[in-house]
Amino acid sequence: MKLLLAFLMGLFTINFTLAQKGSLKIVNDVYLDSLIEKNKNIHKIKNSMDGFRIQLFSGTERNNANQLKAKFLAAYPAVPAYLIYQQPYFKLRVGDFRNKMEAQNLFHHLNTEFNQAIIVADKINFPKLK
């Protein structure tokens, strides 16, 4: 019985090591490649995606918006700031966040300094690839 068990274990080990020397062939579907290319072309044209930003200011005074932008960039130089004009308001929005949870992290830091801060849905720039 022990001899039979040892024989089967040896056979299994040989079979296992021989099975590891196989090859793998990946077959791509032509339609999948064309769909990926179509998606790339759409994103080249749009150059933006749906996401979130933190709005720090909304008002009719452009000078106030520019002063607040300068104050923000001095404190957070790594975070992009955007001055948007939507008639009749100037809006200062910061950050490019793909989801609301990413925006929440910065929002909690900014909420004490900037009391008008709110998270808004917006078109954002694509994140930088590393």
C-alpha atoms as a PDB file:
ATOM      1  CA  MET A   1       0.000   0.000   0.000  1.00  0.00           C
ATOM      2  CA  LYS A   2       2.809   2.403   0.923  1.00  0.00           C
ATOM      3  CA  LEU A   3       4.675   1.414  -2.193  1.00  0.00           C
ATOM      4  CA  LEU A   4       1.623   2.133  -4.352  1.00  0.00           C
ATOM      5  CA  LEU A   5       1.148   5.526  -2.661  1.00  0.00           C
ATOM      6  CA  ALA A   6       4.822   6.422  -3.195  1.00  0.00           C
ATOM      7  CA  PHE A   7       4.558   5.359  -6.857  1.00  0.00           C
ATOM      8  CA  LEU A   8       1.470   7.544  -7.408  1.00  0.00           C
ATOM      9  CA  MET A   9       3.140  10.526  -5.682  1.00  0.00           C
ATOM     10  CA  GLY A  10       6.198  10.145  -7.931  1.00  0.00           C
ATOM     11  CA  LEU A  11       3.996   9.897 -11.016  1.00  0.00           C
ATOM     12  CA  PHE A  12       2.079  13.033  -9.978  1.00  0.00           C
ATOM     13  CA  THR A  13       5.314  14.962  -9.390  1.00  0.00           C
ATOM     14  CA  ILE A  14       6.683  14.024 -12.808  1.00  0.00           C
ATOM     15  CA  ASN A  15       3.395  14.916 -14.461  1.00  0.00           C
ATOM     16  CA  PHE A  16       3.264  18.267 -12.646  1.00  0.00           C
ATOM     17  CA  THR A  17       6.792  19.282 -13.654  1.00  0.00           C
ATOM     18  CA  LEU A  18       6.216  18.312 -17.286  1.00  0.00           C
ATOM     19  CA  ALA A  19       2.977  20.312 -17.376  1.00  0.00           C
ATOM     20  CA  GLN A  20       4.855  23.495 -16.439  1.00  0.00           C
ATOM     21  CA  LYS A  21       6.814  23.520 -19.703  1.00  0.00           C
ATOM     22  CA  GLY A  22       3.841  24.312 -21.940  1.00  0.00           C
ATOM     23  CA  SER A  23       3.229  27.472 -23.950  1.00  0.00           C
ATOM     24  CA  LEU A  24       0.479  30.032 -23.897  1.00  0.00           C
ATOM     25  CA  LYS A  25      -1.051  31.524 -27.004  1.00  0.00           C
ATOM     26  CA  ILE A  26      -3.220  34.626 -26.675  1.00  0.00           C
ATOM     27  CA  VAL A  27      -5.776  35.175 -29.413  1.00  0.00           C
ATOM     28  CA  ASN A  28      -7.050  38.747 -29.736  1.00  0.00           C
ATOM     29  CA  ASP A  29     -10.417  39.453 -31.218  1.00  0.00           C
ATOM     30  CA  VAL A  30     -10.259  41.993 -34.065  1.00  0.00           C
ATOM     31  CA  TYR A  31     -13.398  43.706 -32.774  1.00  0.00           C
ATOM     32  CA  LEU A  32     -11.826  44.201 -29.359  1.00  0.00           C
ATOM     33  CA  ASP A  33      -8.797  45.933 -30.907  1.00  0.00           C
ATOM     34  CA  SER A  34     -11.024  48.230 -32.964  1.00  0.00           C
ATOM     35  CA  LEU A  35     -13.102  49.077 -29.884  1.00  0.00           C
ATOM     36  CA  ILE A  36      -9.959  50.007 -27.926  1.00  0.00           C
ATOM     37  CA  GLU A  37      -8.781  52.258 -30.792  1.00  0.00           C
ATOM     38  CA  LYS A  38     -12.202  53.899 -30.999  1.00  0.00           C
ATOM     39  CA  ASN A  39     -12.143  54.598 -27.241  1.00  0.00           C
ATOM     40  CA  LYS A  40      -8.646  56.135 -27.523  1.00  0.00           C
ATOM     41  CA  ASN A  41      -9.787  58.435 -30.342  1.00  0.00           C
ATOM     42  CA  ILE A  42     -12.846  59.592 -28.412  1.00  0.00           C
ATOM     43  CA  HIS A  43     -10.718  60.501 -25.397  1.00  0.00           C
ATOM     44  CA  LYS A  44      -8.225  62.371 -27.591  1.00  0.00           C
ATOM     45  CA  ILE A  45     -11.080  64.530 -28.875  1.00  0.00           C
ATOM     46  CA  LYS A  46     -12.782  65.099 -25.502  1.00  0.00           C
ATOM     47  CA  ASN A  47      -9.595  65.618 -23.466  1.00  0.00           C
ATOM     48  CA  SER A  48     -11.662  65.464 -20.265  1.00  0.00           C
ATOM     49  CA  MET A  49     -13.726  63.083 -18.189  1.00  0.00           C
ATOM     50  CA  ASP A  50     -16.459  63.255 -15.572  1.00  0.00           C
ATOM     51  CA  GLY A  51     -15.190  63.836 -12.070  1.00  0.00           C
ATOM     52  CA  PHE A  52     -15.231  66.238  -9.137  1.00  0.00           C
ATOM     53  CA  ARG A  53     -13.615  69.501  -8.104  1.00  0.00           C
ATOM     54  CA  ILE A  54     -13.796  71.615  -4.978  1.00  0.00           C
ATOM     55  CA  GLN A  55     -15.362  75.012  -5.525  1.00  0.00           C
ATOM     56  CA  LEU A  56     -13.836  77.646  -3.248  1.00  0.00           C
ATOM     57  CA  PHE A  57     -15.498  80.793  -4.585  1.00  0.00           C
ATOM     58  CA  SER A  58     -18.519  81.847  -6.571  1.00  0.00           C
ATOM     59  CA  GLY A  59     -19.209  85.544  -7.014  1.00  0.00           C
ATOM     60  CA  THR A  60     -19.317  88.496  -9.382  1.00  0.00           C
ATOM     61  CA  GLU A  61     -15.967  90.040  -8.351  1.00  0.00           C
ATOM     62  CA  ARG A  62     -13.077  88.827 -10.521  1.00  0.00           C
ATOM     63  CA  ASN A  63     -10.455  90.453  -8.263  1.00  0.00           C
ATOM     64  CA  ASN A  64     -11.713  88.494  -5.243  1.00  0.00           C
ATOM     65  CA  ALA A  65     -11.521  85.256  -7.230  1.00  0.00           C
ATOM     66  CA  ASN A  66      -7.951  85.994  -8.378  1.00  0.00           C
ATOM     67  CA  GLN A  67      -6.837  86.885  -4.833  1.00  0.00           C
ATOM     68  CA  LEU A  68      -8.319  83.660  -3.484  1.00  0.00           C
ATOM     69  CA  LYS A  69      -6.643  81.686  -6.287  1.00  0.00           C
ATOM     70  CA  ALA A  70      -3.260  83.200  -5.404  1.00  0.00           C
ATOM     71  CA  LYS A  71      -3.816  82.411  -1.705  1.00  0.00           C
ATOM     72  CA  PHE A  72      -4.759  78.823  -2.531  1.00  0.00           C
ATOM     73  CA  LEU A  73      -1.807  78.228  -4.878  1.00  0.00           C
ATOM     74  CA  ALA A  74       0.591  79.607  -2.262  1.00  0.00           C
ATOM     75  CA  ALA A  75      -0.706  77.065   0.267  1.00  0.00           C
ATOM     76  CA  TYR A  76      -1.231  74.124  -2.143  1.00  0.00           C
ATOM     77  CA  PRO A  77       1.071  74.516  -5.177  1.00  0.00           C
ATOM     78  CA  ALA A  78       0.673  70.882  -6.291  1.00  0.00           C
ATOM     79  CA  VAL A  79      -3.116  71.146  -6.685  1.00  0.00           C
ATOM     80  CA  PRO A  80      -4.326  72.734  -9.945  1.00  0.00           C
ATOM     81  CA  ALA A  81      -6.692  75.712  -9.679  1.00  0.00           C
ATOM     82  CA  TYR A  82      -9.167  76.810 -12.353  1.00  0.00           C
ATOM     83  CA  LEU A  83     -10.904  80.178 -12.661  1.00  0.00           C
ATOM     84  CA  ILE A  84     -14.150  79.671 -14.565  1.00  0.00           C
ATOM     85  CA  TYR A  85     -16.581  82.309 -15.783  1.00  0.00           C
ATOM     86  CA  GLN A  86     -20.218  81.257 -15.974  1.00  0.00           C
ATOM     87  CA  GLN A  87     -22.187  84.407 -16.555  1.00  0.00           C
ATOM     88  CA  PRO A  88     -22.525  86.376 -14.271  1.00  0.00           C
ATOM     89  CA  TYR A  89     -20.334  84.447 -11.791  1.00  0.00           C
ATOM     90  CA  PHE A  90     -16.612  83.822 -11.469  1.00  0.00           C
ATOM     91  CA  LYS A  91     -15.965  80.428  -9.908  1.00  0.00           C
ATOM     92  CA  LEU A  92     -12.723  79.143  -8.444  1.00  0.00           C
ATOM     93  CA  ARG A  93     -12.480  75.364  -8.580  1.00  0.00           C
ATOM     94  CA  VAL A  94      -9.502  73.260  -7.540  1.00  0.00           C
ATOM     95  CA  GLY A  95      -8.310  69.708  -8.089  1.00  0.00           C
ATOM     96  CA  ASP A  96      -9.040  66.936 -10.567  1.00  0.00           C
ATOM     97  CA  PHE A  97     -10.672  64.093  -8.633  1.00  0.00           C
ATOM     98  CA  ARG A  98     -12.055  60.964 -10.292  1.00  0.00           C
ATOM     99  CA  ASN A  99     -14.462  60.215  -7.454  1.00  0.00           C
ATOM    100  CA  LYS A 100     -16.019  62.012  -4.513  1.00  0.00           C
ATOM    101  CA  MET A 101     -13.937  60.166  -1.916  1.00  0.00           C
ATOM    102  CA  GLU A 102     -10.704  61.555  -3.404  1.00  0.00           C
ATOM    103  CA  ALA A 103     -12.178  65.059  -3.197  1.00  0.00           C
ATOM    104  CA  GLN A 104     -13.255  64.524   0.433  1.00  0.00           C
ATOM    105  CA  ASN A 105      -9.624  64.237   1.624  1.00  0.00           C
ATOM    106  CA  LEU A 106      -8.661  67.710   0.405  1.00  0.00           C
ATOM    107  CA  PHE A 107     -12.090  69.131   1.244  1.00  0.00           C
ATOM    108  CA  HIS A 108     -11.626  68.409   4.958  1.00  0.00           C
ATOM    109  CA  HIS A 109      -8.333  70.357   4.953  1.00  0.00           C
ATOM    110  CA  LEU A 110      -9.796  73.269   2.978  1.00  0.00           C
ATOM    111  CA  ASN A 111     -13.080  73.553   4.859  1.00  0.00           C
ATOM    112  CA  THR A 112     -11.452  75.375   7.786  1.00  0.00           C
ATOM    113  CA  GLU A 113      -9.604  77.945   5.610  1.00  0.00           C
ATOM    114  CA  PHE A 114     -12.222  78.420   2.908  1.00  0.00           C
ATOM    115  CA  ASN A 115     -15.697  78.492   4.417  1.00  0.00           C
ATOM    116  CA  GLN A 116     -17.497  78.508   1.030  1.00  0.00           C
ATOM    117  CA  ALA A 117     -15.848  75.258  -0.098  1.00  0.00           C
ATOM    118  CA  ILE A 118     -18.156  72.665  -1.648  1.00  0.00           C
ATOM    119  CA  ILE A 119     -17.585  69.583  -3.782  1.00  0.00           C
ATOM    120  CA  VAL A 120     -19.068  69.872  -7.279  1.00  0.00           C
ATOM    121  CA  ALA A 121     -19.329  67.549 -10.260  1.00  0.00           C
ATOM    122  CA  ASP A 122     -17.300  68.844 -13.199  1.00  0.00           C
ATOM    123  CA  LYS A 123     -15.336  67.805 -16.274  1.00  0.00           C
ATOM    124  CA  ILE A 124     -11.769  67.142 -15.161  1.00  0.00           C
ATOM    125  CA  ASN A 125      -8.435  66.675 -16.908  1.00  0.00           C
ATOM    126  CA  PHE A 126      -7.146  63.172 -17.332  1.00  0.00           C
ATOM    127  CA  PRO A 127      -4.786  62.124 -14.519  1.00  0.00           C
ATOM    128  CA  LYS A 128      -1.072  62.140 -15.297  1.00  0.00           C
ATOM    129  CA  LEU A 129       0.327  58.691 -16.017  1.00  0.00           C
ATOM    130  CA  LYS A 130       3.416  57.766 -14.030  1.00  0.00           C
END
